[in-house]
């Protein structure tokens, strides 16, 4: 399918029509390969230098460039994978255009953002002695193997914007997360033998009550100016084998959302301290805390150059400036950790990501394209001025 040069709306719809469900999340689904190859063909036709780099078989990252190789580089980044479609109330891959909205899985999260950034880079071409680098990556929805692979390949930039759905707000920060599992060991016994049985589920409940007390205290604790406070919640719990048996085991999964400055070690210590507090009054409690996975928070100063340039681009296009924290985790944390100041800005509402109804307003795509075009031009102008 040919896409008219610079037509972000047509490109967004074409990308949404391609099923790119992440196969790790949805077994037997096709993955991002077809979507990456389609976008590569479009960008090649638009005049970009395009490369597909496979880090996982059949699931390539796309890297496209405009401008001067080796020059100061601005990265525009997005992910091609989408989540499952169970429970959706409309066709997931029809990209239906209705009421000035594009409906479909991935419309907001985040193929509209990818389309806007591609069209913006094209519109800014010719103003540039710097380089604009587009990266469309795989697997952000699970383990970010796409962005990790790009960084391992040595791909770098001087600044980056990820076009996640922010409702056109500038988002310099988001929380990290720590996933933990607490395994409680009890003693199996007949339900009538309270003298022998140790109830692992009851012990988990006592620890949950202690964690609830910790969570309430967090209201008056550390806060971030854009993100508010951190948080903790119980995600899943399983245990027990029957009505008349003391449960020998209970496994509790916990998610802790962390602020910039809060470490994985701090999150684990909170859970261990809660278990120790309960054990002080319940010596039979046997709990083991293990780390499942963790991702860092992301934080760029609100007065960082890339933030100021985005503010200026919004103002130049007559768009209200809103700077806020993003609720969800993104690959911005990985890019920032690699020394690339990265913020999120894009069309669509993160509240519609993964939802039964997912759509993106056409007007937001058009506005995002204009703002990103202005950003790229100003960023490149600034680099050119420094190089003289």
Protein backbone atom coordinates (compact mmCIF):
# COMPACT_ATOMS: atom_id res chain seq x y z
CA UNK A 1 0.00 0.00 0.00
CA UNK A 2 1.52 3.34 -1.09
CA UNK A 3 1.25 6.19 1.43
CA UNK A 4 1.35 9.76 0.13
CA UNK A 5 4.51 11.50 1.29
CA UNK A 6 3.97 13.02 4.71
CA UNK A 7 0.39 11.79 5.20
CA UNK A 8 0.42 10.94 8.90
CA UNK A 9 -3.27 10.00 9.04
CA UNK A 10 -3.01 7.50 6.19
CA UNK A 11 0.17 6.07 7.69
CA UNK A 12 -1.40 5.71 11.13
CA UNK A 13 -4.40 3.86 9.70
CA UNK A 14 -2.18 1.60 7.60
CA UNK A 15 -0.06 0.69 10.64
CA UNK A 16 -3.14 -0.02 12.80
CA UNK A 17 -4.45 -2.41 10.13
CA UNK A 18 -1.36 -4.60 10.57
CA UNK A 19 -1.68 -7.07 13.42
CA UNK A 20 1.53 -6.64 15.43
CA UNK A 21 0.54 -8.26 18.70
CA UNK A 22 3.54 -9.12 20.83
CA UNK A 23 3.99 -12.90 20.64
CA UNK A 24 5.41 -13.10 24.15
CA UNK A 25 2.17 -11.64 25.50
CA UNK A 26 -0.12 -13.35 22.98
CA UNK A 27 1.24 -16.76 21.93
CA UNK A 28 0.84 -17.62 18.23
CA UNK A 29 0.41 -13.95 17.29
CA UNK A 30 2.43 -12.57 14.37
CA UNK A 31 4.71 -10.07 16.10
CA UNK A 32 6.07 -6.85 14.64
CA UNK A 33 7.81 -8.12 11.50
CA UNK A 34 5.17 -7.23 8.90
CA UNK A 35 4.62 -3.83 10.49
CA UNK A 36 8.35 -3.03 10.53
CA UNK A 37 8.81 -4.08 6.90
CA UNK A 38 5.81 -2.04 5.78
CA UNK A 39 7.06 1.05 7.58
CA UNK A 40 10.54 0.52 6.15
CA UNK A 41 9.10 0.49 2.62
CA UNK A 42 7.14 3.68 3.29
CA UNK A 43 10.12 5.54 4.73
CA UNK A 44 12.38 4.33 1.95
CA UNK A 45 9.86 5.70 -0.54
CA UNK A 46 9.82 8.99 1.39
CA UNK A 47 13.60 9.32 1.04
CA UNK A 48 14.90 8.10 4.40
CA UNK A 49 17.98 5.92 4.79
CA UNK A 50 16.38 2.80 6.27
CA UNK A 51 17.75 -0.25 8.04
CA UNK A 52 16.03 -3.24 9.64
CA UNK A 53 18.02 -4.77 12.49
CA UNK A 54 16.92 -8.13 13.89
CA UNK A 55 17.54 -8.71 17.57
CA UNK A 56 14.92 -11.48 17.71
CA UNK A 57 14.18 -13.73 14.75
CA UNK A 58 11.37 -12.28 12.66
CA UNK A 59 11.00 -9.20 14.87
CA UNK A 60 13.24 -6.43 13.51
CA UNK A 61 13.79 -2.94 14.82
CA UNK A 62 13.54 -0.19 12.24
CA UNK A 63 16.18 2.54 12.12
CA UNK A 64 15.70 5.40 9.63
CA UNK A 65 17.79 8.53 9.17
CA UNK A 66 17.60 11.95 7.55
CA UNK A 67 20.36 14.54 7.57
CA UNK A 68 24.09 14.38 8.06
CA UNK A 69 25.62 11.12 9.33
CA UNK A 70 27.81 11.70 12.35
CA UNK A 71 26.20 15.07 13.09
CA UNK A 72 24.37 15.89 16.35
CA UNK A 73 21.34 13.62 16.46
CA UNK A 74 17.75 13.93 17.63
CA UNK A 75 15.97 10.59 18.06
CA UNK A 76 12.23 10.13 17.62
CA UNK A 77 11.23 6.75 19.01
CA UNK A 78 8.15 4.54 19.17
CA UNK A 79 7.21 0.89 19.60
CA UNK A 80 5.50 -1.29 17.00
CA UNK A 81 4.14 -4.04 19.25
CA UNK A 82 0.62 -4.02 20.64
CA UNK A 83 -1.13 -6.06 23.32
CA UNK A 84 -3.98 -8.55 22.97
CA UNK A 85 -7.48 -7.78 21.74
CA UNK A 86 -9.68 -9.88 24.02
CA UNK A 87 -12.81 -8.04 25.09
CA UNK A 88 -12.53 -5.23 22.57
CA UNK A 89 -15.86 -3.66 21.63
CA UNK A 90 -14.87 -2.85 18.04
CA UNK A 91 -12.85 -4.51 15.31
CA UNK A 92 -9.23 -4.41 16.52
CA UNK A 93 -7.46 -4.01 13.18
CA UNK A 94 -9.95 -2.25 10.93
CA UNK A 95 -8.56 1.27 11.63
CA UNK A 96 -12.13 2.54 11.23
CA UNK A 97 -12.32 6.31 10.81
CA UNK A 98 -15.37 7.53 12.72
CA UNK A 99 -16.22 10.85 14.38
CA UNK A 100 -12.72 12.13 13.51
CA UNK A 101 -11.15 9.26 15.40
CA UNK A 102 -9.13 6.24 14.29
CA UNK A 103 -10.24 3.12 16.13
CA UNK A 104 -8.12 0.02 16.62
CA UNK A 105 -5.61 -1.77 18.79
CA UNK A 106 -2.45 0.30 18.80
CA UNK A 107 -4.14 3.44 17.47
CA UNK A 108 -3.29 5.38 20.64
CA UNK A 109 -0.54 3.08 21.91
CA UNK A 110 1.25 4.05 19.78
CA UNK A 111 1.04 3.83 16.00
CA UNK A 112 -0.44 7.32 15.70
CA UNK A 113 2.64 8.65 17.47
CA UNK A 114 4.92 6.75 15.10
CA UNK A 115 3.06 8.14 12.08
CA UNK A 116 3.27 11.68 13.45
CA UNK A 117 7.00 11.47 14.09
CA UNK A 118 7.73 10.03 10.64
CA UNK A 119 5.74 12.77 8.89
CA UNK A 120 7.31 15.44 11.09
CA UNK A 121 10.85 14.33 10.30
CA UNK A 122 10.02 14.42 6.60
CA UNK A 123 8.46 17.88 6.84
CA UNK A 124 11.55 19.22 8.62
CA UNK A 125 13.99 17.75 6.08
CA UNK A 126 16.10 20.32 4.27
CA UNK A 127 16.54 22.57 7.30
CA UNK A 128 19.19 20.32 8.66
CA UNK A 129 22.91 19.92 9.08
CA UNK A 130 22.12 17.73 12.04
CA UNK A 131 20.61 14.24 11.90
CA UNK A 132 17.11 13.02 12.71
CA UNK A 133 17.01 9.38 13.75
CA UNK A 134 13.73 7.45 13.74
CA UNK A 135 13.62 4.21 15.70
CA UNK A 136 10.55 1.95 15.69
CA UNK A 137 11.22 -0.88 18.09
CA UNK A 138 9.83 -4.25 19.13
CA UNK A 139 8.75 -5.64 22.50
CA UNK A 140 8.26 -2.47 24.53
CA UNK A 141 5.09 -4.00 25.96
CA UNK A 142 6.99 -6.87 27.60
CA UNK A 143 10.73 -6.61 28.18
CA UNK A 144 11.92 -3.80 25.87
CA UNK A 145 14.27 -6.08 23.98
CA UNK A 146 14.04 -3.74 20.99
CA UNK A 147 15.38 -0.61 22.67
CA UNK A 148 17.89 -2.65 24.68
CA UNK A 149 19.19 -4.13 21.41
CA UNK A 150 19.55 -0.69 19.80
CA UNK A 151 21.57 0.54 22.75
CA UNK A 152 23.71 -2.60 22.68
CA UNK A 153 24.36 -1.88 18.99
CA UNK A 154 25.81 1.47 20.04
CA UNK A 155 23.00 3.62 18.62
CA UNK A 156 22.96 6.93 20.46
CA UNK A 157 21.49 10.42 20.15
CA UNK A 158 21.94 13.78 21.84
CA UNK A 159 18.28 13.92 22.84
CA UNK A 160 15.11 11.92 22.19
CA UNK A 161 11.33 12.15 22.14
CA UNK A 162 9.20 9.03 22.49
CA UNK A 163 5.81 9.65 20.91
CA UNK A 164 3.81 7.74 23.51
CA UNK A 165 0.20 8.91 23.99
CA UNK A 166 0.36 11.90 26.35
CA UNK A 167 -2.64 13.92 25.07
CA UNK A 168 -0.02 16.36 23.69
CA UNK A 169 1.43 17.02 27.15
CA UNK A 170 5.20 17.13 27.61
CA UNK A 171 6.11 14.31 29.99
CA UNK A 172 9.69 14.46 31.30
CA UNK A 173 9.20 11.84 34.03
CA UNK A 174 7.51 8.56 34.84
CA UNK A 175 7.66 6.03 37.63
CA UNK A 176 9.60 2.78 37.56
CA UNK A 177 8.30 -0.52 38.83
CA UNK A 178 9.47 -3.49 40.86
CA UNK A 179 7.69 -6.84 40.68
CA UNK A 180 8.20 -9.13 43.66
CA UNK A 181 6.90 -12.44 44.88
CA UNK A 182 6.47 -13.41 48.53
CA UNK A 183 6.24 -17.14 49.19
CA UNK A 184 4.69 -18.08 52.55
CA UNK A 185 5.28 -21.55 53.98
CA UNK A 186 2.76 -23.00 56.41
CA UNK A 187 2.13 -26.59 57.56
CA UNK A 188 -0.51 -28.77 55.96
CA UNK A 189 -2.91 -30.45 58.36
CA UNK A 190 -6.51 -31.56 58.59
CA UNK A 191 -8.83 -28.61 59.09
CA UNK A 192 -9.78 -29.88 62.53
CA UNK A 193 -6.16 -29.92 63.75
CA UNK A 194 -5.46 -26.33 64.71
CA UNK A 195 -2.76 -27.71 66.99
CA UNK A 196 -0.81 -28.95 63.96
CA UNK A 197 -1.74 -26.71 61.06
CA UNK A 198 -0.02 -23.44 60.11
CA UNK A 199 -2.12 -21.29 57.78
CA UNK A 200 0.08 -19.76 55.04
CA UNK A 201 -2.84 -17.74 53.65
CA UNK A 202 -3.54 -16.09 57.01
CA UNK A 203 0.12 -15.16 57.25
CA UNK A 204 -0.06 -13.55 53.82
CA UNK A 205 -3.12 -11.59 55.01
CA UNK A 206 -1.23 -10.29 58.03
CA UNK A 207 1.63 -9.09 55.83
CA UNK A 208 -0.86 -7.46 53.47
CA UNK A 209 -2.36 -5.57 56.42
CA UNK A 210 1.12 -4.35 57.36
CA UNK A 211 1.78 -3.29 53.77
CA UNK A 212 -1.50 -1.39 53.80
CA UNK A 213 -0.27 0.56 56.82
CA UNK A 214 2.96 1.35 54.96
CA UNK A 215 0.97 2.49 51.94
CA UNK A 216 -1.14 4.88 54.03
CA UNK A 217 2.02 6.41 55.51
CA UNK A 218 3.30 7.02 52.00
CA UNK A 219 0.72 9.83 51.63
CA UNK A 220 2.92 12.03 53.82
CA UNK A 221 6.24 10.74 52.49
CA UNK A 222 8.45 11.38 49.48
CA UNK A 223 6.77 13.11 46.53
CA UNK A 224 7.90 14.08 43.04
CA UNK A 225 6.71 17.42 41.61
CA UNK A 226 5.24 15.76 38.50
CA UNK A 227 4.56 12.21 39.66
CA UNK A 228 3.27 12.55 43.20
CA UNK A 229 4.07 9.60 45.44
CA UNK A 230 5.13 6.03 44.82
CA UNK A 231 2.71 3.17 45.37
CA UNK A 232 2.39 -0.51 46.17
CA UNK A 233 -0.39 -3.00 45.54
CA UNK A 234 -1.02 -6.73 45.70
CA UNK A 235 -1.31 -8.06 42.15
CA UNK A 236 -2.19 -11.73 42.58
CA UNK A 237 -2.47 -14.28 45.38
CA UNK A 238 -2.74 -18.04 45.21
CA UNK A 239 -2.72 -20.81 47.77
CA UNK A 240 -4.59 -23.65 49.40
CA UNK A 241 -5.76 -27.05 48.16
CA UNK A 242 -9.15 -27.66 49.80
CA UNK A 243 -11.70 -26.56 52.37
CA UNK A 244 -10.59 -28.96 55.12
CA UNK A 245 -6.84 -28.52 54.79
CA UNK A 246 -4.57 -25.93 56.35
CA UNK A 247 -2.77 -24.32 53.39
CA UNK A 248 0.90 -25.23 53.27
CA UNK A 249 1.80 -22.51 50.78
CA UNK A 250 0.61 -19.09 49.67
CA UNK A 251 2.27 -17.00 46.97
CA UNK A 252 1.67 -13.27 46.86
CA UNK A 253 2.74 -11.12 43.88
CA UNK A 254 3.34 -7.43 44.56
CA UNK A 255 3.98 -4.43 42.33
CA UNK A 256 5.79 -1.38 43.69
CA UNK A 257 5.78 1.75 41.51
CA UNK A 258 8.93 3.71 42.27
CA UNK A 259 9.81 7.40 42.06
CA UNK A 260 13.07 8.75 40.69
CA UNK A 261 15.54 8.22 43.54
CA UNK A 262 13.79 5.10 44.86
CA UNK A 263 15.76 1.93 44.21
CA UNK A 264 14.83 -1.68 43.65
CA UNK A 265 16.64 -2.49 46.88
CA UNK A 266 14.43 -0.03 48.77
CA UNK A 267 11.29 -1.70 47.40
CA UNK A 268 12.48 -5.16 48.44
CA UNK A 269 13.50 -3.89 51.87
CA UNK A 270 9.99 -2.51 52.45
CA UNK A 271 8.51 -5.98 51.96
CA UNK A 272 11.14 -7.68 54.11
CA UNK A 273 10.54 -5.11 56.87
CA UNK A 274 6.78 -5.77 56.71
CA UNK A 275 7.38 -9.51 57.03
CA UNK A 276 9.73 -8.94 59.98
CA UNK A 277 7.15 -6.74 61.73
CA UNK A 278 4.53 -9.49 61.43
CA UNK A 279 6.96 -12.21 62.46
CA UNK A 280 7.71 -10.36 65.68
CA UNK A 281 4.22 -11.34 66.88
CA UNK A 282 3.83 -14.51 64.80
CA UNK A 283 6.99 -16.61 65.16
CA UNK A 284 5.66 -19.34 62.84
CA UNK A 285 5.61 -16.94 59.88
CA UNK A 286 7.97 -18.15 57.14
CA UNK A 287 8.16 -15.73 54.20
CA UNK A 288 10.70 -15.44 51.38
CA UNK A 289 10.80 -12.36 49.15
CA UNK A 290 12.18 -12.68 45.61
CA UNK A 291 12.58 -10.15 42.82
CA UNK A 292 10.71 -10.98 39.59
CA UNK A 293 11.70 -7.99 37.45
CA UNK A 294 12.34 -4.28 37.77
CA UNK A 295 12.50 -1.20 35.54
CA UNK A 296 14.00 2.14 36.47
CA UNK A 297 12.03 5.38 36.75
CA UNK A 298 12.71 8.11 34.20
CA UNK A 299 13.34 11.74 35.05
CA UNK A 300 14.52 14.69 32.96
CA UNK A 301 14.65 18.14 34.59
CA UNK A 302 11.67 20.30 33.68
CA UNK A 303 14.09 22.97 32.41
CA UNK A 304 16.21 20.58 30.31
CA UNK A 305 16.91 21.79 26.74
CA UNK A 306 14.69 19.15 25.10
CA UNK A 307 11.80 20.12 27.40
CA UNK A 308 12.28 23.81 26.69
CA UNK A 309 12.39 23.16 22.94
CA UNK A 310 9.16 21.18 23.10
CA UNK A 311 7.51 23.96 25.08
CA UNK A 312 8.64 26.42 22.44
CA UNK A 313 7.36 24.20 19.63
CA UNK A 314 3.94 23.99 21.28
CA UNK A 315 3.81 27.74 21.72
CA UNK A 316 4.87 28.37 18.13
CA UNK A 317 1.96 26.21 16.93
CA UNK A 318 -0.57 27.83 19.25
CA UNK A 319 -0.98 24.67 21.36
CA UNK A 320 -1.44 25.00 25.14
CA UNK A 321 1.67 23.94 27.05
CA UNK A 322 1.17 21.26 29.67
CA UNK A 323 4.11 19.61 31.46
CA UNK A 324 3.16 16.61 33.56
CA UNK A 325 4.28 13.18 34.70
CA UNK A 326 3.31 10.09 32.70
CA UNK A 327 1.55 7.35 34.63
CA UNK A 328 2.88 4.39 32.61
CA UNK A 329 6.42 3.05 32.20
CA UNK A 330 8.18 3.59 28.84
CA UNK A 331 11.50 2.99 27.11
CA UNK A 332 12.44 6.56 28.08
CA UNK A 333 13.95 5.09 31.25
CA UNK A 334 16.37 2.97 29.20
CA UNK A 335 17.38 5.86 26.94
CA UNK A 336 17.90 8.18 29.89
CA UNK A 337 19.98 5.54 31.65
CA UNK A 338 22.14 5.42 28.50
CA UNK A 339 22.73 9.17 28.74
CA UNK A 340 20.14 10.31 26.17
CA UNK A 341 17.82 12.98 27.66
CA UNK A 342 14.39 11.62 26.71
CA UNK A 343 10.85 12.90 27.16
CA UNK A 344 7.47 11.59 26.03
CA UNK A 345 5.09 13.57 23.85
CA UNK A 346 2.45 12.31 21.46
CA UNK A 347 -1.17 12.05 20.36
CA UNK A 348 -3.73 9.91 22.14
CA UNK A 349 -4.63 9.10 25.73
CA UNK A 350 -2.63 6.53 27.71
CA UNK A 351 -5.89 5.77 29.52
CA UNK A 352 -7.13 4.10 26.31
CA UNK A 353 -4.03 1.92 25.93
CA UNK A 354 -4.84 -1.80 26.29
CA UNK A 355 -8.52 -0.90 26.72
CA UNK A 356 -11.68 -2.46 25.32
CA UNK A 357 -12.16 0.68 23.24
CA UNK A 358 -8.99 2.24 21.80
CA UNK A 359 -8.93 5.26 19.52
CA UNK A 360 -6.93 8.37 18.73
CA UNK A 361 -8.36 11.74 17.59
CA UNK A 362 -7.27 12.68 14.09
CA UNK A 363 -6.78 16.27 15.20
CA UNK A 364 -4.23 15.22 17.81
CA UNK A 365 -2.18 13.38 15.18
CA UNK A 366 -2.15 16.47 12.99
CA UNK A 367 -1.21 18.71 15.92
CA UNK A 368 1.52 16.34 17.08
CA UNK A 369 2.96 16.32 13.56
CA UNK A 370 3.06 20.14 13.46
CA UNK A 371 4.63 20.43 16.90
CA UNK A 372 7.23 17.75 16.21
CA UNK A 373 8.09 19.41 12.90
CA UNK A 374 8.67 22.69 14.70
CA UNK A 375 10.73 20.86 17.34
CA UNK A 376 12.96 19.15 14.78
CA UNK A 377 13.56 22.40 12.87
CA UNK A 378 14.43 24.34 16.01
CA UNK A 379 16.60 21.58 17.44
CA UNK A 380 18.57 21.30 14.20
CA UNK A 381 18.85 25.09 13.97
CA UNK A 382 20.30 25.18 17.49
CA UNK A 383 22.86 22.48 16.61
CA UNK A 384 23.85 24.30 13.44
CA UNK A 385 24.30 27.52 15.42
CA UNK A 386 26.59 25.80 17.91
CA UNK A 387 28.69 24.25 15.14
CA UNK A 388 29.56 27.60 13.52
